[in-house]
C-alpha atoms as a PDB file:
ATOM      1  CA  MET A   1     120.539 105.291 111.243  1.00  0.00           C
ATOM      2  CA  PRO A   2     118.958 108.490 110.317  1.00  0.00           C
ATOM      3  CA  LYS A   3     119.441 111.250 112.823  1.00  0.00           C
ATOM      4  CA  VAL A   4     116.391 113.063 114.085  1.00  0.00           C
ATOM      5  CA  ILE A   5     116.676 116.754 114.616  1.00  0.00           C
ATOM      6  CA  PHE A   6     114.207 118.700 117.100  1.00  0.00           C
ATOM      7  CA  ASP A   7     114.092 122.218 117.944  1.00  0.00           C
ATOM      8  CA  LEU A   8     113.373 122.286 121.574  1.00  0.00           C
ATOM      9  CA  PRO A   9     113.502 124.981 123.881  1.00  0.00           C
ATOM     10  CA  ASN A  10     116.419 123.630 126.366  1.00  0.00           C
ATOM     11  CA  MET A  11     118.718 123.012 123.407  1.00  0.00           C
ATOM     12  CA  ASP A  12     121.169 125.693 124.562  1.00  0.00           C
ATOM     13  CA  ASP A  13     121.769 123.690 127.723  1.00  0.00           C
ATOM     14  CA  PRO A  14     124.282 121.256 126.434  1.00  0.00           C
ATOM     15  CA  ALA A  15     123.897 118.345 129.190  1.00  0.00           C
ATOM     16  CA  TRP A  16     120.146 118.362 128.545  1.00  0.00           C
ATOM     17  CA  ALA A  17     120.717 118.413 124.849  1.00  0.00           C
ATOM     18  CA  GLU A  18     122.898 115.516 125.208  1.00  0.00           C
ATOM     19  CA  ALA A  19     120.894 113.610 127.442  1.00  0.00           C
ATOM     20  CA  ILE A  20     117.480 113.935 125.109  1.00  0.00           C
ATOM     21  CA  GLU A  21     119.558 113.079 122.029  1.00  0.00           C
ATOM     22  CA  HIS A  22     120.650 109.949 123.646  1.00  0.00           C
ATOM     23  CA  GLU A  23     117.396 109.046 124.542  1.00  0.00           C
ATOM     24  CA  ILE A  24     116.062 109.675 121.530  1.00  0.00           C
ATOM     25  CA  GLU A  25     118.663 107.496 119.679  1.00  0.00           C
ATOM     26  CA  MET A  26     117.955 104.654 122.190  1.00  0.00           C
ATOM     27  CA  GLU A  27     114.462 104.731 121.294  1.00  0.00           C
ATOM     28  CA  LEU A  28     115.033 104.788 117.335  1.00  0.00           C
ATOM     29  CA  SER A  29     117.353 101.742 117.993  1.00  0.00           C
ATOM     30  CA  SER A  30     115.326  99.695 120.411  1.00  0.00           C
ATOM     31  CA  GLY A  31     113.418  97.941 117.538  1.00  0.00           C
ATOM     32  CA  ASN A  32     113.991  94.207 117.054  1.00  0.00           C
ATOM     33  CA  GLU A  33     116.740  92.495 115.481  1.00  0.00           C
ATOM     34  CA  PRO A  34     116.188  91.382 111.643  1.00  0.00           C
ATOM     35  CA  HIS A  35     115.581  87.569 111.150  1.00  0.00           C
ATOM     36  CA  PRO A  36     118.891  86.007 110.744  1.00  0.00           C
ATOM     37  CA  ASP A  37     117.929  84.075 107.659  1.00  0.00           C
ATOM     38  CA  ARG A  38     116.589  87.051 105.986  1.00  0.00           C
ATOM     39  CA  PRO A  39     119.165  90.075 105.668  1.00  0.00           C
ATOM     40  CA  LEU A  40     117.338  93.339 105.276  1.00  0.00           C
ATOM     41  CA  PRO A  41     117.934  94.629 101.760  1.00  0.00           C
ATOM     42  CA  PHE A  42     118.553  98.161 102.993  1.00  0.00           C
ATOM     43  CA  GLU A  43     118.802  99.779 106.244  1.00  0.00           C
ATOM     44  CA  CYS A  44     115.396 100.225 107.931  1.00  0.00           C
ATOM     45  CA  VAL A  45     114.179 100.228 111.701  1.00  0.00           C
ATOM     46  CA  ILE A  46     112.179  97.418 112.873  1.00  0.00           C
ATOM     47  CA  TYR A  47     109.582  99.130 115.104  1.00  0.00           C
ATOM     48  CA  ASP A  48     107.228  95.972 115.790  1.00  0.00           C
ATOM     49  CA  SER A  49     107.836  92.874 118.098  1.00  0.00           C
ATOM     50  CA  SER A  50     105.200  90.831 116.992  1.00  0.00           C
ATOM     51  CA  PRO A  51     103.648  89.906 113.551  1.00  0.00           C
ATOM     52  CA  VAL A  52     101.259  92.701 112.075  1.00  0.00           C
ATOM     53  CA  ARG A  53      98.259  92.773 109.368  1.00  0.00           C
ATOM     54  CA  VAL A  54      99.038  94.967 106.573  1.00  0.00           C
ATOM     55  CA  LYS A  55      96.298  95.792 104.036  1.00  0.00           C
ATOM     56  CA  ASN A  56      96.769  96.701 100.398  1.00  0.00           C
ATOM     57  CA  LYS A  57      95.500  99.960  99.935  1.00  0.00           C
ATOM     58  CA  LEU A  58      94.047  99.227  96.429  1.00  0.00           C
ATOM     59  CA  THR A  59      92.441  95.592  96.443  1.00  0.00           C
ATOM     60  CA  GLY A  60      91.519  95.930 100.467  1.00  0.00           C
ATOM     61  CA  ASP A  61      93.222  92.312 100.810  1.00  0.00           C
ATOM     62  CA  SER A  62      95.645  91.663 103.965  1.00  0.00           C
ATOM     63  CA  CYS A  63      98.115  89.258 105.366  1.00  0.00           C
ATOM     64  CA  MET A  64     100.122  88.983 108.256  1.00  0.00           C
ATOM     65  CA  LEU A  65     103.759  90.210 107.975  1.00  0.00           C
ATOM     66  CA  GLU A  66     106.669  89.451 110.301  1.00  0.00           C
ATOM     67  CA  PRO A  67     108.250  92.593 111.953  1.00  0.00           C
ATOM     68  CA  ASP A  68     111.155  92.776 109.517  1.00  0.00           C
ATOM     69  CA  ALA A  69     108.931  92.368 106.687  1.00  0.00           C
ATOM     70  CA  VAL A  70     106.800  95.180 107.900  1.00  0.00           C
ATOM     71  CA  ALA A  71     109.989  97.528 107.909  1.00  0.00           C
ATOM     72  CA  VAL A  72     111.003  96.365 104.571  1.00  0.00           C
ATOM     73  CA  TYR A  73     107.318  96.808 103.231  1.00  0.00           C
ATOM     74  CA  ASP A  74     107.092 100.502 104.764  1.00  0.00           C
ATOM     75  CA  THR A  75     110.351 101.273 103.242  1.00  0.00           C
ATOM     76  CA  THR A  76     109.566  99.924 100.071  1.00  0.00           C
ATOM     77  CA  ILE A  77     106.043 102.089  99.677  1.00  0.00           C
ATOM     78  CA  GLY A  78     108.029 105.095 100.661  1.00  0.00           C
ATOM     79  CA  ALA A  79     110.524 104.514  98.390  1.00  0.00           C
ATOM     80  CA  LEU A  80     107.818 104.218  95.505  1.00  0.00           C
ATOM     81  CA  TYR A  81     106.150 107.510  96.631  1.00  0.00           C
ATOM     82  CA  THR A  82     109.498 109.228  96.562  1.00  0.00           C
ATOM     83  CA  ALA A  83     110.376 107.963  93.280  1.00  0.00           C
ATOM     84  CA  ASN A  84     113.495 105.912  94.647  1.00  0.00           C
ATOM     85  CA  TYR A  85     113.189 103.110  92.268  1.00  0.00           C
ATOM     86  CA  GLU A  86     116.392 101.526  93.057  1.00  0.00           C
ATOM     87  CA  ARG A  87     115.446 101.426  96.770  1.00  0.00           C
ATOM     88  CA  MET A  88     111.734 100.049  95.858  1.00  0.00           C
ATOM     89  CA  ASN A  89     113.107  97.260  93.455  1.00  0.00           C
ATOM     90  CA  GLN A  90     115.429  96.151  96.457  1.00  0.00           C
ATOM     91  CA  GLY A  91     112.362  95.820  98.403  1.00  0.00           C
ATOM     92  CA  LEU A  92     110.345  94.296  95.784  1.00  0.00           C
ATOM     93  CA  ASP A  93     112.962  91.699  95.107  1.00  0.00           C
ATOM     94  CA  TRP A  94     113.365  90.772  98.726  1.00  0.00           C
ATOM     95  CA  PHE A  95     109.889  90.219  98.963  1.00  0.00           C
ATOM     96  CA  ARG A  96     109.598  87.959  96.075  1.00  0.00           C
ATOM     97  CA  LYS A  97     112.391  85.913  97.742  1.00  0.00           C
ATOM     98  CA  TYR A  98     111.277  85.628 101.288  1.00  0.00           C
ATOM     99  CA  PHE A  99     107.435  86.269 101.127  1.00  0.00           C
ATOM    100  CA  PRO A 100     106.226  85.271  97.788  1.00  0.00           C
ATOM    101  CA  LYS A 101     102.784  84.926  98.932  1.00  0.00           C
ATOM    102  CA  GLU A 102     102.447  88.332 100.861  1.00  0.00           C
ATOM    103  CA  TYR A 103     104.149  89.772  97.718  1.00  0.00           C
ATOM    104  CA  MET A 104     101.385  88.677  95.355  1.00  0.00           C
ATOM    105  CA  ILE A 105      98.770  89.915  98.086  1.00  0.00           C
ATOM    106  CA  LEU A 106     100.376  93.391  98.835  1.00  0.00           C
ATOM    107  CA  LEU A 107     102.919  94.712  96.278  1.00  0.00           C
ATOM    108  CA  ASP A 108     102.080  92.854  92.684  1.00  0.00           C
END
């Protein structure tokens, strides 16, 4: 899991810094577990607990995605924007396998 670093005023107090770091880590790791029949193609955080409607920004079409699919979709789109084509292709392959209809609406 990626670390989040903040520059906060009480960071000089080791007890406070440790407590807030633990709180942040717990918040980041409190997402849902991936679906047991759909292993994630890469490490990503699942924030949602129920399906989410996702819209294709180019066509305006939308569809409902399960929480694990939203996490993979967001990471895949982020990989496209940052030119991480290996990760992008992993996400696209995962969508083709587990969500072919949604792939055609959102990513094709």
